[in-house]
Amino acid sequence: MNAKQLVIKCFAKQTEGVWVAVCLDFCLATQGDSLDEVKRKLEEQIFYYVSEALQDKEYGSQLLSRRAPLSSWIEYYYIWVINKIYHSASIIFNETMPLRPA
């Protein structure tokens, strides 16, 4: 596994007073009342998802290569560009792949 595979792309945005966080690399999402809450919830969700996938001998590799749809990736890069030009409420952030010692 190389270093790029350990970084998981995510974004969060506020829509109609609710924060939504999306993990593009595993097609996961969560919502909450604050940015801190959705980031914490998504981090936890990623941890459990990866833990379960690593234990699943039959479908684990498929689960770890499940990506978000193209529309979510476009939204991610749109937010990235907007944040480079302006300061917006939406953010781009990375999580680190949760790893367990063998």
N, C-alpha and C. Protein backbone atom coordinates (compact mmCIF):
# COMPACT_ATOMS: atom_id res chain seq x y z
N MET A 1 0.86 -1.17 0.00
CA MET A 1 0.00 0.00 0.00
C MET A 1 0.90 1.23 0.00
N ASN A 2 0.64 2.16 -0.93
CA ASN A 2 1.46 3.36 -0.98
C ASN A 2 0.81 4.49 -0.18
N ALA A 3 1.56 5.57 0.00
CA ALA A 3 1.11 6.68 0.85
C ALA A 3 -0.18 7.32 0.35
N LYS A 4 -0.37 7.41 -0.98
CA LYS A 4 -1.59 8.01 -1.52
C LYS A 4 -2.83 7.19 -1.15
N GLN A 5 -2.67 5.89 -1.01
CA GLN A 5 -3.80 5.05 -0.64
C GLN A 5 -4.21 5.23 0.81
N LEU A 6 -3.38 5.86 1.61
CA LEU A 6 -3.68 6.08 3.02
C LEU A 6 -4.46 7.37 3.26
N VAL A 7 -4.58 8.22 2.22
CA VAL A 7 -5.30 9.49 2.34
C VAL A 7 -6.68 9.32 1.72
N ILE A 8 -7.70 9.65 2.48
CA ILE A 8 -9.08 9.49 2.04
C ILE A 8 -9.66 10.88 1.81
N LYS A 9 -10.17 11.12 0.61
CA LYS A 9 -10.72 12.43 0.25
C LYS A 9 -12.15 12.59 0.79
N CYS A 10 -12.38 13.75 1.43
CA CYS A 10 -13.69 14.04 2.01
C CYS A 10 -14.02 15.51 1.81
N PHE A 11 -15.30 15.83 1.91
CA PHE A 11 -15.71 17.23 1.95
C PHE A 11 -16.93 17.37 2.84
N ALA A 12 -17.14 18.60 3.28
CA ALA A 12 -18.30 18.92 4.11
C ALA A 12 -18.91 20.21 3.61
N LYS A 13 -20.22 20.28 3.66
CA LYS A 13 -20.90 21.49 3.24
C LYS A 13 -22.13 21.70 4.12
N GLN A 14 -22.52 22.95 4.21
CA GLN A 14 -23.72 23.28 4.98
C GLN A 14 -24.84 23.56 4.01
N THR A 15 -25.94 22.84 4.18
CA THR A 15 -27.10 22.99 3.32
C THR A 15 -28.34 23.13 4.18
N GLU A 16 -29.02 24.25 4.04
CA GLU A 16 -30.26 24.51 4.78
C GLU A 16 -30.09 24.28 6.28
N GLY A 17 -28.97 24.77 6.83
CA GLY A 17 -28.73 24.70 8.27
C GLY A 17 -28.21 23.37 8.77
N VAL A 18 -28.00 22.41 7.88
CA VAL A 18 -27.50 21.09 8.28
C VAL A 18 -26.16 20.86 7.59
N TRP A 19 -25.19 20.36 8.33
CA TRP A 19 -23.90 20.02 7.76
C TRP A 19 -23.94 18.59 7.23
N VAL A 20 -23.35 18.39 6.05
CA VAL A 20 -23.24 17.08 5.43
C VAL A 20 -21.77 16.84 5.12
N ALA A 21 -21.26 15.69 5.51
CA ALA A 21 -19.87 15.31 5.20
C ALA A 21 -19.90 14.06 4.33
N VAL A 22 -19.05 14.03 3.31
CA VAL A 22 -19.02 12.93 2.35
C VAL A 22 -17.59 12.40 2.24
N CYS A 23 -17.47 11.09 2.28
CA CYS A 23 -16.19 10.41 2.03
C CYS A 23 -16.26 9.85 0.61
N LEU A 24 -15.46 10.40 -0.28
CA LEU A 24 -15.52 10.01 -1.69
C LEU A 24 -14.93 8.63 -1.95
N ASP A 25 -13.91 8.26 -1.20
CA ASP A 25 -13.22 7.01 -1.48
C ASP A 25 -14.01 5.76 -1.07
N PHE A 26 -14.96 5.91 -0.17
CA PHE A 26 -15.78 4.76 0.24
C PHE A 26 -17.27 4.99 0.06
N CYS A 27 -17.64 6.13 -0.52
CA CYS A 27 -19.05 6.47 -0.78
C CYS A 27 -19.85 6.43 0.53
N LEU A 28 -19.36 7.16 1.52
CA LEU A 28 -20.04 7.26 2.81
C LEU A 28 -20.45 8.71 3.03
N ALA A 29 -21.51 8.92 3.81
CA ALA A 29 -21.94 10.28 4.12
C ALA A 29 -22.62 10.30 5.48
N THR A 30 -22.59 11.47 6.09
CA THR A 30 -23.26 11.66 7.38
C THR A 30 -23.71 13.10 7.47
N GLN A 31 -24.59 13.38 8.41
CA GLN A 31 -25.03 14.76 8.61
C GLN A 31 -25.10 15.09 10.09
N GLY A 32 -25.06 16.39 10.39
CA GLY A 32 -25.10 16.82 11.78
C GLY A 32 -25.32 18.32 11.87
N ASP A 33 -25.29 18.82 13.09
CA ASP A 33 -25.59 20.23 13.34
C ASP A 33 -24.37 21.14 13.22
N SER A 34 -23.15 20.57 13.26
CA SER A 34 -21.95 21.41 13.18
C SER A 34 -20.88 20.71 12.34
N LEU A 35 -19.92 21.50 11.90
CA LEU A 35 -18.81 20.95 11.13
C LEU A 35 -18.03 19.93 11.96
N ASP A 36 -17.74 20.28 13.20
CA ASP A 36 -17.00 19.35 14.07
C ASP A 36 -17.75 18.03 14.24
N GLU A 37 -19.06 18.12 14.39
CA GLU A 37 -19.86 16.90 14.58
C GLU A 37 -19.81 16.01 13.35
N VAL A 38 -19.99 16.58 12.14
CA VAL A 38 -20.00 15.73 10.95
C VAL A 38 -18.62 15.16 10.66
N LYS A 39 -17.56 15.93 10.94
CA LYS A 39 -16.22 15.39 10.73
C LYS A 39 -15.96 14.23 11.68
N ARG A 40 -16.35 14.39 12.94
CA ARG A 40 -16.17 13.31 13.93
C ARG A 40 -16.98 12.07 13.54
N LYS A 41 -18.24 12.29 13.14
CA LYS A 41 -19.09 11.17 12.76
C LYS A 41 -18.57 10.46 11.52
N LEU A 42 -18.08 11.22 10.55
CA LEU A 42 -17.55 10.60 9.33
C LEU A 42 -16.27 9.84 9.63
N GLU A 43 -15.42 10.40 10.46
CA GLU A 43 -14.18 9.71 10.86
C GLU A 43 -14.51 8.37 11.52
N GLU A 44 -15.48 8.37 12.40
CA GLU A 44 -15.91 7.15 13.07
C GLU A 44 -16.50 6.15 12.08
N GLN A 45 -17.31 6.66 11.17
CA GLN A 45 -17.93 5.80 10.15
C GLN A 45 -16.86 5.16 9.27
N ILE A 46 -15.86 5.94 8.88
CA ILE A 46 -14.76 5.41 8.06
C ILE A 46 -14.02 4.31 8.82
N PHE A 47 -13.73 4.57 10.09
CA PHE A 47 -13.01 3.58 10.91
C PHE A 47 -13.76 2.24 10.93
N TYR A 48 -15.05 2.28 11.23
CA TYR A 48 -15.81 1.03 11.31
C TYR A 48 -15.98 0.38 9.95
N TYR A 49 -16.15 1.17 8.92
CA TYR A 49 -16.30 0.64 7.56
C TYR A 49 -15.04 -0.12 7.14
N VAL A 50 -13.89 0.52 7.34
CA VAL A 50 -12.62 -0.11 6.96
C VAL A 50 -12.36 -1.34 7.82
N SER A 51 -12.65 -1.26 9.10
CA SER A 51 -12.45 -2.41 9.99
C SER A 51 -13.27 -3.61 9.53
N GLU A 52 -14.52 -3.36 9.21
CA GLU A 52 -15.39 -4.45 8.73
C GLU A 52 -14.92 -4.98 7.38
N ALA A 53 -14.53 -4.10 6.48
CA ALA A 53 -14.08 -4.52 5.16
C ALA A 53 -12.82 -5.37 5.25
N LEU A 54 -11.92 -5.02 6.16
CA LEU A 54 -10.69 -5.80 6.31
C LEU A 54 -10.95 -7.18 6.87
N GLN A 55 -12.06 -7.35 7.58
CA GLN A 55 -12.40 -8.66 8.13
C GLN A 55 -13.20 -9.51 7.14
N ASP A 56 -13.79 -8.90 6.13
CA ASP A 56 -14.62 -9.61 5.16
C ASP A 56 -13.74 -10.20 4.07
N LYS A 57 -13.49 -11.49 4.16
CA LYS A 57 -12.58 -12.16 3.23
C LYS A 57 -13.16 -12.24 1.81
N GLU A 58 -14.49 -12.33 1.70
CA GLU A 58 -15.12 -12.50 0.39
C GLU A 58 -15.28 -11.19 -0.38
N TYR A 59 -15.73 -10.14 0.30
CA TYR A 59 -16.04 -8.89 -0.39
C TYR A 59 -15.20 -7.70 0.07
N GLY A 60 -14.26 -7.91 0.95
CA GLY A 60 -13.47 -6.82 1.51
C GLY A 60 -12.80 -5.95 0.48
N SER A 61 -12.17 -6.55 -0.53
CA SER A 61 -11.47 -5.73 -1.53
C SER A 61 -12.45 -4.90 -2.35
N GLN A 62 -13.65 -5.42 -2.59
CA GLN A 62 -14.66 -4.64 -3.31
C GLN A 62 -15.13 -3.47 -2.45
N LEU A 63 -15.31 -3.70 -1.16
CA LEU A 63 -15.75 -2.65 -0.26
C LEU A 63 -14.72 -1.53 -0.16
N LEU A 64 -13.44 -1.89 -0.16
CA LEU A 64 -12.38 -0.89 -0.05
C LEU A 64 -12.13 -0.14 -1.35
N SER A 65 -12.73 -0.58 -2.43
CA SER A 65 -12.56 0.12 -3.71
C SER A 65 -13.87 0.73 -4.18
N ARG A 66 -14.84 0.86 -3.29
CA ARG A 66 -16.15 1.45 -3.62
C ARG A 66 -16.02 2.97 -3.59
N ARG A 67 -16.21 3.62 -4.72
CA ARG A 67 -16.05 5.06 -4.84
C ARG A 67 -17.40 5.75 -4.99
N ALA A 68 -17.42 7.03 -4.60
CA ALA A 68 -18.63 7.85 -4.75
C ALA A 68 -18.91 8.06 -6.24
N PRO A 69 -20.14 8.41 -6.58
CA PRO A 69 -20.46 8.67 -7.99
C PRO A 69 -19.74 9.91 -8.52
N LEU A 70 -19.66 10.01 -9.82
CA LEU A 70 -18.97 11.12 -10.48
C LEU A 70 -19.50 12.47 -10.01
N SER A 71 -20.77 12.59 -9.79
CA SER A 71 -21.35 13.87 -9.36
C SER A 71 -20.75 14.35 -8.03
N SER A 72 -20.46 13.43 -7.13
CA SER A 72 -19.84 13.80 -5.85
C SER A 72 -18.39 14.24 -6.05
N TRP A 73 -17.68 13.59 -6.96
CA TRP A 73 -16.31 14.00 -7.25
C TRP A 73 -16.28 15.38 -7.90
N ILE A 74 -17.23 15.65 -8.78
CA ILE A 74 -17.32 16.97 -9.40
C ILE A 74 -17.58 18.03 -8.33
N GLU A 75 -18.49 17.73 -7.40
CA GLU A 75 -18.78 18.65 -6.31
C GLU A 75 -17.54 18.90 -5.45
N TYR A 76 -16.78 17.84 -5.17
CA TYR A 76 -15.54 17.96 -4.41
C TYR A 76 -14.59 18.94 -5.07
N TYR A 77 -14.34 18.77 -6.37
CA TYR A 77 -13.40 19.65 -7.06
C TYR A 77 -13.96 21.05 -7.26
N TYR A 78 -15.27 21.18 -7.38
CA TYR A 78 -15.89 22.50 -7.44
C TYR A 78 -15.64 23.25 -6.13
N ILE A 79 -15.86 22.58 -5.00
CA ILE A 79 -15.61 23.18 -3.69
C ILE A 79 -14.13 23.54 -3.55
N TRP A 80 -13.25 22.68 -4.03
CA TRP A 80 -11.82 22.94 -3.97
C TRP A 80 -11.48 24.22 -4.72
N VAL A 81 -12.02 24.38 -5.93
CA VAL A 81 -11.75 25.57 -6.73
C VAL A 81 -12.33 26.81 -6.06
N ILE A 82 -13.56 26.73 -5.59
CA ILE A 82 -14.21 27.87 -4.93
C ILE A 82 -13.40 28.28 -3.69
N ASN A 83 -12.90 27.32 -2.94
CA ASN A 83 -12.10 27.65 -1.76
C ASN A 83 -10.77 28.29 -2.11
N LYS A 84 -10.24 28.00 -3.27
CA LYS A 84 -9.00 28.64 -3.72
C LYS A 84 -9.25 30.11 -4.09
N ILE A 85 -10.45 30.40 -4.62
CA ILE A 85 -10.77 31.76 -5.06
C ILE A 85 -11.40 32.57 -3.92
N TYR A 86 -12.36 31.99 -3.24
CA TYR A 86 -13.09 32.65 -2.16
C TYR A 86 -12.98 31.80 -0.91
N HIS A 87 -13.42 32.36 0.18
CA HIS A 87 -13.53 31.56 1.40
C HIS A 87 -14.99 31.14 1.50
N SER A 88 -15.27 29.86 1.39
CA SER A 88 -16.67 29.42 1.43
C SER A 88 -16.93 28.60 2.69
N ALA A 89 -18.19 28.35 2.95
CA ALA A 89 -18.57 27.57 4.13
C ALA A 89 -18.24 26.10 3.95
N SER A 90 -18.16 25.64 2.72
CA SER A 90 -17.84 24.24 2.46
C SER A 90 -16.33 24.04 2.58
N ILE A 91 -15.94 22.85 2.99
CA ILE A 91 -14.51 22.59 3.16
C ILE A 91 -14.12 21.26 2.53
N ILE A 92 -12.86 21.18 2.19
CA ILE A 92 -12.24 19.94 1.72
C ILE A 92 -11.34 19.48 2.85
N PHE A 93 -11.38 18.20 3.17
CA PHE A 93 -10.47 17.69 4.18
C PHE A 93 -10.13 16.25 3.86
N ASN A 94 -9.03 15.79 4.40
CA ASN A 94 -8.58 14.42 4.21
C ASN A 94 -8.60 13.70 5.54
N GLU A 95 -8.91 12.45 5.47
CA GLU A 95 -8.79 11.57 6.62
C GLU A 95 -7.69 10.58 6.30
N THR A 96 -7.12 10.00 7.32
CA THR A 96 -6.09 8.98 7.13
C THR A 96 -6.73 7.61 7.26
N MET A 97 -6.33 6.71 6.38
CA MET A 97 -6.86 5.35 6.41
C MET A 97 -6.62 4.75 7.78
N PRO A 98 -7.68 4.29 8.46
CA PRO A 98 -7.47 3.66 9.75
C PRO A 98 -6.80 2.29 9.56
N LEU A 99 -5.69 2.10 10.21
CA LEU A 99 -4.97 0.84 10.09
C LEU A 99 -4.86 0.20 11.46
N ARG A 100 -4.92 -1.10 11.45
CA ARG A 100 -4.72 -1.87 12.69
C ARG A 100 -3.50 -2.73 12.53
N PRO A 101 -2.73 -2.88 13.60
CA PRO A 101 -1.60 -3.79 13.50
C PRO A 101 -2.08 -5.23 13.29
N ALA A 102 -1.33 -5.98 12.49
CA ALA A 102 -1.73 -7.36 12.20
C ALA A 102 -1.53 -8.26 13.40
